[in-house]
Amino acid sequence: MILSRILAIPELILFLFAFLVHFVYEVWQAPYFVFYDMPSLASKINYITHCTIGDGIISVISFWVVSLLFRTRKWILDPMGKQILLFTAAGWLYTFISEIYRIKIAKLYGISAFNIPFFETSWLPLVQWLILPPLVIFLTERHLRGEKKR
């Protein structure tokens, strides 16, 4: 009973699916980044995991932004195009600003390919935040609805 109530919390399910989907993408794009001060594979995996947890948090915050604007957390059960677009845009905008900061200012890592010339950042995370958020919403909605929708 308690477990079923926990598994009905939209933010938790959204975070879990975001983590799983983004982790796969983060691992896939890792060879295109130059990790500074990370001599071991374990350090790189820890960094990728840290970034993926961040992706999950960004997803939850994006969910809250949409929930505040539409005044309901239940939008995830029947998402409209505007809500999916806003959810995606919020995550994309944060990622764009964050990538510029982490590469140009904090110098946490560099990029070896797929560079956006003026911004000196990679387009890989920006593509990530265009294609994965709708998938995360789909998986979250499907899980939360369970058998009821079918």
N, C-alpha and C. Protein backbone atom coordinates (compact mmCIF):
# COMPACT_ATOMS: atom_id res chain seq x y z
N MET A 1 0.82 -1.20 0.00
CA MET A 1 0.00 0.00 0.00
C MET A 1 0.86 1.26 0.00
N ILE A 2 1.85 1.29 0.90
CA ILE A 2 2.72 2.45 0.98
C ILE A 2 3.56 2.56 -0.30
N LEU A 3 4.06 1.43 -0.78
CA LEU A 3 4.87 1.43 -1.99
C LEU A 3 4.07 1.94 -3.19
N SER A 4 2.82 1.54 -3.30
CA SER A 4 2.00 2.01 -4.42
C SER A 4 1.73 3.51 -4.34
N ARG A 5 1.63 4.04 -3.12
CA ARG A 5 1.45 5.50 -2.96
C ARG A 5 2.73 6.25 -3.34
N ILE A 6 3.87 5.67 -2.96
CA ILE A 6 5.15 6.29 -3.31
C ILE A 6 5.35 6.27 -4.83
N LEU A 7 4.99 5.15 -5.46
CA LEU A 7 5.15 5.03 -6.90
C LEU A 7 4.11 5.85 -7.68
N ALA A 8 3.23 6.53 -6.98
CA ALA A 8 2.26 7.40 -7.63
C ALA A 8 2.67 8.87 -7.54
N ILE A 9 3.81 9.15 -6.94
CA ILE A 9 4.29 10.53 -6.83
C ILE A 9 4.92 10.91 -8.17
N PRO A 10 4.32 11.87 -8.87
CA PRO A 10 4.82 12.20 -10.22
C PRO A 10 6.29 12.61 -10.25
N GLU A 11 6.72 13.40 -9.27
CA GLU A 11 8.11 13.87 -9.26
C GLU A 11 9.10 12.72 -9.13
N LEU A 12 8.78 11.74 -8.31
CA LEU A 12 9.67 10.60 -8.12
C LEU A 12 9.79 9.78 -9.40
N ILE A 13 8.66 9.48 -10.01
CA ILE A 13 8.66 8.68 -11.23
C ILE A 13 9.35 9.44 -12.36
N LEU A 14 9.06 10.73 -12.46
CA LEU A 14 9.70 11.57 -13.47
C LEU A 14 11.21 11.55 -13.27
N PHE A 15 11.66 11.72 -12.04
CA PHE A 15 13.10 11.70 -11.74
C PHE A 15 13.71 10.36 -12.14
N LEU A 16 13.07 9.26 -11.79
CA LEU A 16 13.62 7.94 -12.11
C LEU A 16 13.76 7.72 -13.60
N PHE A 17 12.70 8.04 -14.37
CA PHE A 17 12.78 7.87 -15.82
C PHE A 17 13.79 8.85 -16.42
N ALA A 18 13.83 10.07 -15.92
CA ALA A 18 14.81 11.05 -16.42
C ALA A 18 16.22 10.53 -16.17
N PHE A 19 16.46 10.02 -14.97
CA PHE A 19 17.79 9.50 -14.66
C PHE A 19 18.17 8.38 -15.62
N LEU A 20 17.29 7.42 -15.80
CA LEU A 20 17.60 6.27 -16.65
C LEU A 20 17.86 6.67 -18.09
N VAL A 21 17.00 7.49 -18.65
CA VAL A 21 17.12 7.88 -20.05
C VAL A 21 18.34 8.78 -20.26
N HIS A 22 18.53 9.75 -19.37
CA HIS A 22 19.66 10.67 -19.51
C HIS A 22 21.00 9.98 -19.25
N PHE A 23 21.02 8.98 -18.36
CA PHE A 23 22.28 8.29 -18.10
C PHE A 23 22.79 7.61 -19.37
N VAL A 24 21.90 6.96 -20.09
CA VAL A 24 22.30 6.31 -21.34
C VAL A 24 22.88 7.34 -22.30
N TYR A 25 22.21 8.47 -22.43
CA TYR A 25 22.69 9.52 -23.33
C TYR A 25 24.02 10.09 -22.85
N GLU A 26 24.16 10.32 -21.56
CA GLU A 26 25.40 10.87 -21.01
C GLU A 26 26.58 9.93 -21.29
N VAL A 27 26.37 8.64 -21.13
CA VAL A 27 27.44 7.68 -21.41
C VAL A 27 27.77 7.71 -22.90
N TRP A 28 26.75 7.78 -23.73
CA TRP A 28 26.97 7.81 -25.17
C TRP A 28 27.77 9.04 -25.59
N GLN A 29 27.49 10.20 -25.01
CA GLN A 29 28.16 11.42 -25.44
C GLN A 29 29.50 11.64 -24.73
N ALA A 30 29.81 10.90 -23.70
CA ALA A 30 31.04 11.10 -22.93
C ALA A 30 32.32 11.09 -23.76
N PRO A 31 32.45 10.21 -24.77
CA PRO A 31 33.71 10.23 -25.54
C PRO A 31 33.98 11.55 -26.27
N TYR A 32 32.97 12.38 -26.43
CA TYR A 32 33.13 13.64 -27.15
C TYR A 32 33.53 14.80 -26.24
N PHE A 33 33.69 14.51 -24.95
CA PHE A 33 34.09 15.53 -23.99
C PHE A 33 35.45 15.19 -23.41
N VAL A 34 36.21 16.21 -23.11
CA VAL A 34 37.52 16.06 -22.49
C VAL A 34 37.34 16.38 -21.01
N PHE A 35 37.49 15.37 -20.16
CA PHE A 35 37.32 15.56 -18.73
C PHE A 35 38.64 15.99 -18.11
N TYR A 36 38.66 17.17 -17.55
CA TYR A 36 39.87 17.67 -16.91
C TYR A 36 39.98 17.11 -15.50
N ASP A 37 41.18 16.88 -15.07
CA ASP A 37 41.47 16.43 -13.70
C ASP A 37 40.74 15.15 -13.32
N MET A 38 40.48 14.28 -14.27
CA MET A 38 39.83 13.00 -13.97
C MET A 38 40.64 11.88 -14.59
N PRO A 39 41.64 11.42 -13.86
CA PRO A 39 42.56 10.44 -14.43
C PRO A 39 42.00 9.02 -14.56
N SER A 40 41.01 8.69 -13.74
CA SER A 40 40.52 7.30 -13.75
C SER A 40 39.13 7.19 -14.34
N LEU A 41 38.83 6.00 -14.81
CA LEU A 41 37.50 5.71 -15.34
C LEU A 41 36.45 5.89 -14.25
N ALA A 42 36.76 5.48 -13.03
CA ALA A 42 35.82 5.62 -11.91
C ALA A 42 35.45 7.09 -11.69
N SER A 43 36.44 7.96 -11.80
CA SER A 43 36.17 9.40 -11.64
C SER A 43 35.23 9.91 -12.72
N LYS A 44 35.44 9.45 -13.94
CA LYS A 44 34.58 9.86 -15.05
C LYS A 44 33.16 9.34 -14.87
N ILE A 45 33.04 8.09 -14.41
CA ILE A 45 31.71 7.51 -14.17
C ILE A 45 31.00 8.28 -13.06
N ASN A 46 31.72 8.63 -12.01
CA ASN A 46 31.13 9.44 -10.93
C ASN A 46 30.66 10.78 -11.46
N TYR A 47 31.45 11.38 -12.33
CA TYR A 47 31.07 12.69 -12.89
C TYR A 47 29.83 12.56 -13.77
N ILE A 48 29.80 11.51 -14.60
CA ILE A 48 28.63 11.28 -15.46
C ILE A 48 27.39 11.03 -14.60
N THR A 49 27.55 10.27 -13.54
CA THR A 49 26.41 10.01 -12.64
C THR A 49 25.95 11.30 -11.99
N HIS A 50 26.89 12.12 -11.56
CA HIS A 50 26.56 13.43 -10.98
C HIS A 50 25.76 14.28 -11.99
N CYS A 51 26.23 14.30 -13.23
CA CYS A 51 25.52 15.07 -14.27
C CYS A 51 24.12 14.51 -14.51
N THR A 52 24.00 13.19 -14.46
CA THR A 52 22.70 12.56 -14.70
C THR A 52 21.73 12.84 -13.56
N ILE A 53 22.22 12.87 -12.35
CA ILE A 53 21.37 13.27 -11.22
C ILE A 53 20.90 14.70 -11.45
N GLY A 54 21.80 15.55 -11.93
CA GLY A 54 21.43 16.92 -12.29
C GLY A 54 20.35 16.97 -13.35
N ASP A 55 20.45 16.10 -14.35
CA ASP A 55 19.41 16.03 -15.39
C ASP A 55 18.06 15.66 -14.79
N GLY A 56 18.08 14.74 -13.82
CA GLY A 56 16.84 14.37 -13.14
C GLY A 56 16.26 15.53 -12.36
N ILE A 57 17.12 16.28 -11.68
CA ILE A 57 16.67 17.45 -10.92
C ILE A 57 16.13 18.53 -11.86
N ILE A 58 16.82 18.75 -12.96
CA ILE A 58 16.33 19.72 -13.96
C ILE A 58 14.96 19.30 -14.46
N SER A 59 14.76 18.01 -14.67
CA SER A 59 13.46 17.51 -15.13
C SER A 59 12.36 17.79 -14.10
N VAL A 60 12.66 17.56 -12.84
CA VAL A 60 11.67 17.81 -11.78
C VAL A 60 11.36 19.31 -11.70
N ILE A 61 12.37 20.14 -11.77
CA ILE A 61 12.15 21.59 -11.72
C ILE A 61 11.34 22.05 -12.93
N SER A 62 11.64 21.49 -14.10
CA SER A 62 10.87 21.82 -15.30
C SER A 62 9.40 21.39 -15.13
N PHE A 63 9.21 20.23 -14.50
CA PHE A 63 7.86 19.75 -14.20
C PHE A 63 7.13 20.75 -13.30
N TRP A 64 7.83 21.24 -12.28
CA TRP A 64 7.22 22.21 -11.37
C TRP A 64 6.89 23.53 -12.07
N VAL A 65 7.75 23.95 -12.99
CA VAL A 65 7.47 25.18 -13.76
C VAL A 65 6.16 25.02 -14.52
N VAL A 66 6.02 23.90 -15.22
CA VAL A 66 4.79 23.65 -15.97
C VAL A 66 3.61 23.53 -15.01
N SER A 67 3.79 22.86 -13.89
CA SER A 67 2.72 22.69 -12.91
C SER A 67 2.26 24.03 -12.35
N LEU A 68 3.20 24.93 -12.08
CA LEU A 68 2.83 26.26 -11.59
C LEU A 68 2.06 27.06 -12.64
N LEU A 69 2.52 27.01 -13.86
CA LEU A 69 1.86 27.77 -14.92
C LEU A 69 0.47 27.23 -15.25
N PHE A 70 0.30 25.93 -15.15
CA PHE A 70 -1.00 25.32 -15.46
C PHE A 70 -1.80 25.00 -14.19
N ARG A 71 -1.22 25.32 -13.04
CA ARG A 71 -1.86 25.18 -11.73
C ARG A 71 -2.35 23.77 -11.41
N THR A 72 -1.59 22.79 -11.89
CA THR A 72 -1.89 21.41 -11.55
C THR A 72 -0.67 20.53 -11.80
N ARG A 73 -0.45 19.59 -10.90
CA ARG A 73 0.60 18.60 -11.10
C ARG A 73 0.09 17.45 -11.94
N LYS A 74 -1.20 17.41 -12.19
CA LYS A 74 -1.80 16.31 -12.93
C LYS A 74 -1.67 16.45 -14.45
N TRP A 75 -1.06 17.55 -14.90
CA TRP A 75 -0.89 17.73 -16.35
C TRP A 75 -0.12 16.56 -16.95
N ILE A 76 0.73 15.94 -16.16
CA ILE A 76 1.57 14.85 -16.65
C ILE A 76 0.74 13.62 -17.04
N LEU A 77 -0.48 13.53 -16.52
CA LEU A 77 -1.35 12.39 -16.85
C LEU A 77 -1.97 12.50 -18.22
N ASP A 78 -2.05 13.71 -18.75
CA ASP A 78 -2.59 13.93 -20.09
C ASP A 78 -1.92 15.17 -20.68
N PRO A 79 -0.62 15.07 -20.96
CA PRO A 79 0.13 16.25 -21.38
C PRO A 79 -0.29 16.77 -22.75
N MET A 80 -0.44 18.08 -22.82
CA MET A 80 -0.75 18.75 -24.08
C MET A 80 0.56 19.22 -24.72
N GLY A 81 0.49 19.57 -25.98
CA GLY A 81 1.67 20.02 -26.69
C GLY A 81 2.35 21.20 -26.04
N LYS A 82 1.57 22.16 -25.54
CA LYS A 82 2.14 23.35 -24.88
C LYS A 82 2.93 22.95 -23.63
N GLN A 83 2.39 22.01 -22.90
CA GLN A 83 3.06 21.58 -21.67
C GLN A 83 4.36 20.84 -21.97
N ILE A 84 4.32 19.98 -22.98
CA ILE A 84 5.53 19.26 -23.38
C ILE A 84 6.58 20.25 -23.89
N LEU A 85 6.15 21.21 -24.68
CA LEU A 85 7.07 22.22 -25.21
C LEU A 85 7.68 23.06 -24.08
N LEU A 86 6.87 23.48 -23.14
CA LEU A 86 7.36 24.27 -22.01
C LEU A 86 8.32 23.47 -21.14
N PHE A 87 7.97 22.23 -20.86
CA PHE A 87 8.82 21.34 -20.08
C PHE A 87 10.19 21.19 -20.77
N THR A 88 10.15 20.95 -22.06
CA THR A 88 11.38 20.78 -22.84
C THR A 88 12.18 22.07 -22.88
N ALA A 89 11.51 23.20 -23.11
CA ALA A 89 12.19 24.49 -23.23
C ALA A 89 12.86 24.89 -21.91
N ALA A 90 12.20 24.64 -20.80
CA ALA A 90 12.78 24.99 -19.50
C ALA A 90 14.08 24.22 -19.26
N GLY A 91 14.06 22.94 -19.53
CA GLY A 91 15.26 22.12 -19.38
C GLY A 91 16.35 22.50 -20.36
N TRP A 92 15.96 22.79 -21.60
CA TRP A 92 16.92 23.17 -22.63
C TRP A 92 17.61 24.48 -22.27
N LEU A 93 16.83 25.46 -21.83
CA LEU A 93 17.40 26.76 -21.48
C LEU A 93 18.39 26.64 -20.32
N TYR A 94 18.00 25.90 -19.29
CA TYR A 94 18.91 25.70 -18.17
C TYR A 94 20.20 25.02 -18.64
N THR A 95 20.05 24.00 -19.46
CA THR A 95 21.21 23.25 -19.94
C THR A 95 22.13 24.14 -20.77
N PHE A 96 21.57 24.97 -21.62
CA PHE A 96 22.36 25.87 -22.46
C PHE A 96 23.21 26.80 -21.59
N ILE A 97 22.59 27.41 -20.61
CA ILE A 97 23.31 28.32 -19.71
C ILE A 97 24.34 27.55 -18.89
N SER A 98 23.95 26.40 -18.38
CA SER A 98 24.83 25.58 -17.56
C SER A 98 26.05 25.10 -18.34
N GLU A 99 25.86 24.69 -19.58
CA GLU A 99 26.98 24.22 -20.39
C GLU A 99 27.98 25.34 -20.64
N ILE A 100 27.50 26.53 -20.92
CA ILE A 100 28.40 27.66 -21.12
C ILE A 100 29.20 27.91 -19.84
N TYR A 101 28.52 27.89 -18.71
CA TYR A 101 29.21 28.11 -17.44
C TYR A 101 30.25 27.02 -17.17
N ARG A 102 29.84 25.75 -17.30
CA ARG A 102 30.72 24.64 -16.94
C ARG A 102 31.92 24.50 -17.87
N ILE A 103 31.78 24.92 -19.12
CA ILE A 103 32.89 24.79 -20.07
C ILE A 103 33.75 26.05 -20.10
N LYS A 104 33.13 27.22 -20.21
CA LYS A 104 33.89 28.45 -20.40
C LYS A 104 34.35 29.11 -19.10
N ILE A 105 33.55 29.03 -18.06
CA ILE A 105 33.87 29.74 -16.82
C ILE A 105 34.53 28.80 -15.80
N ALA A 106 33.83 27.72 -15.45
CA ALA A 106 34.35 26.79 -14.44
C ALA A 106 35.42 25.86 -15.00
N LYS A 107 35.42 25.70 -16.31
CA LYS A 107 36.39 24.83 -17.00
C LYS A 107 36.41 23.42 -16.39
N LEU A 108 35.21 22.87 -16.20
CA LEU A 108 35.10 21.52 -15.64
C LEU A 108 35.44 20.46 -16.67
N TYR A 109 35.19 20.75 -17.92
CA TYR A 109 35.53 19.84 -19.01
C TYR A 109 35.57 20.64 -20.29
N GLY A 110 36.10 20.00 -21.30
CA GLY A 110 36.15 20.62 -22.62
C GLY A 110 35.45 19.72 -23.61
N ILE A 111 35.32 20.18 -24.82
CA ILE A 111 34.66 19.38 -25.84
C ILE A 111 35.64 19.10 -26.97
N SER A 112 35.54 17.93 -27.52
CA SER A 112 36.46 17.55 -28.59
C SER A 112 35.77 17.51 -29.95
N ALA A 113 34.46 17.62 -29.96
CA ALA A 113 33.73 17.56 -31.24
C ALA A 113 32.37 18.23 -31.08
N PHE A 114 31.76 18.50 -32.20
CA PHE A 114 30.40 19.05 -32.23
C PHE A 114 30.30 20.39 -31.51
N ASN A 115 31.23 21.25 -31.77
CA ASN A 115 31.33 22.55 -31.12
C ASN A 115 30.40 23.57 -31.79
N ILE A 116 29.72 24.38 -30.97
CA ILE A 116 28.98 25.54 -31.47
C ILE A 116 29.96 26.70 -31.41
N PRO A 117 30.41 27.22 -32.54
CA PRO A 117 31.54 28.15 -32.57
C PRO A 117 31.46 29.35 -31.63
N PHE A 118 30.46 30.17 -31.70
CA PHE A 118 30.41 31.39 -30.90
C PHE A 118 30.35 31.10 -29.40
N PHE A 119 29.57 30.11 -29.03
CA PHE A 119 29.36 29.80 -27.61
C PHE A 119 30.42 28.86 -27.06
N GLU A 120 31.18 28.22 -27.94
CA GLU A 120 32.24 27.29 -27.54
C GLU A 120 31.72 26.22 -26.59
N THR A 121 30.59 25.68 -26.93
CA THR A 121 29.99 24.58 -26.19
C THR A 121 29.54 23.53 -27.20
N SER A 122 29.23 22.36 -26.74
CA SER A 122 28.80 21.29 -27.64
C SER A 122 27.30 21.34 -27.87
N TRP A 123 26.91 20.92 -29.05
CA TRP A 123 25.47 20.85 -29.30
C TRP A 123 24.87 19.54 -28.81
N LEU A 124 25.70 18.58 -28.38
CA LEU A 124 25.18 17.29 -27.92
C LEU A 124 24.22 17.41 -26.73
N PRO A 125 24.55 18.17 -25.66
CA PRO A 125 23.59 18.31 -24.56
C PRO A 125 22.33 19.06 -24.98
N LEU A 126 22.45 19.95 -25.94
CA LEU A 126 21.28 20.70 -26.40
C LEU A 126 20.33 19.80 -27.18
N VAL A 127 20.88 18.90 -27.97
CA VAL A 127 20.06 17.90 -28.66
C VAL A 127 19.43 16.96 -27.64
N GLN A 128 20.22 16.60 -26.64
CA GLN A 128 19.73 15.74 -25.55
C GLN A 128 18.45 16.32 -24.95
N TRP A 129 18.46 17.64 -24.71
CA TRP A 129 17.32 18.28 -24.06
C TRP A 129 16.21 18.65 -25.03
N LEU A 130 16.37 18.29 -26.28
CA LEU A 130 15.26 18.40 -27.23
C LEU A 130 14.55 17.07 -27.42
N ILE A 131 15.33 15.99 -27.42
CA ILE A 131 14.72 14.69 -27.73
C ILE A 131 14.32 13.87 -26.50
N LEU A 132 15.02 14.03 -25.39
CA LEU A 132 14.73 13.16 -24.24
C LEU A 132 13.55 13.61 -23.38
N PRO A 133 13.32 14.92 -23.16
CA PRO A 133 12.18 15.29 -22.31
C PRO A 133 10.82 14.75 -22.77
N PRO A 134 10.49 14.79 -24.06
CA PRO A 134 9.20 14.19 -24.45
C PRO A 134 9.15 12.69 -24.15
N LEU A 135 10.28 12.00 -24.30
CA LEU A 135 10.32 10.57 -23.97
C LEU A 135 10.12 10.35 -22.48
N VAL A 136 10.75 11.18 -21.66
CA VAL A 136 10.60 11.09 -20.20
C VAL A 136 9.13 11.33 -19.82
N ILE A 137 8.50 12.32 -20.42
CA ILE A 137 7.09 12.59 -20.15
C ILE A 137 6.24 11.39 -20.54
N PHE A 138 6.49 10.83 -21.71
CA PHE A 138 5.74 9.67 -22.18
C PHE A 138 5.86 8.51 -21.20
N LEU A 139 7.08 8.19 -20.79
CA LEU A 139 7.30 7.07 -19.87
C LEU A 139 6.65 7.33 -18.51
N THR A 140 6.77 8.57 -18.03
CA THR A 140 6.19 8.92 -16.74
C THR A 140 4.67 8.82 -16.79
N GLU A 141 4.08 9.40 -17.83
CA GLU A 141 2.62 9.35 -17.97
C GLU A 141 2.14 7.90 -18.06
N ARG A 142 2.82 7.11 -18.85
CA ARG A 142 2.43 5.71 -19.03
C ARG A 142 2.51 4.95 -17.70
N HIS A 143 3.56 5.18 -16.95
CA HIS A 143 3.69 4.51 -15.65
C HIS A 143 2.58 4.97 -14.68
N LEU A 144 2.36 6.29 -14.61
CA LEU A 144 1.38 6.80 -13.65
C LEU A 144 -0.04 6.37 -13.99
N ARG A 145 -0.32 6.28 -15.26
CA ARG A 145 -1.65 5.83 -15.67
C ARG A 145 -1.82 4.34 -15.53
N GLY A 146 -0.74 3.60 -15.68
CA GLY A 146 -0.78 2.14 -15.55
C GLY A 146 -1.78 1.53 -16.50
N GLU A 147 -2.55 0.64 -15.99
CA GLU A 147 -3.53 -0.09 -16.80
C GLU A 147 -4.79 0.72 -17.09
N LYS A 148 -4.99 1.81 -16.38
CA LYS A 148 -6.23 2.58 -16.53
C LYS A 148 -6.42 3.12 -17.95
N LYS A 149 -5.33 3.53 -18.59
CA LYS A 149 -5.42 4.14 -19.90
C LYS A 149 -5.69 3.12 -20.99
N ARG A 150 -5.24 1.90 -20.82
CA ARG A 150 -5.33 0.89 -21.86
C ARG A 150 -6.69 0.32 -21.99
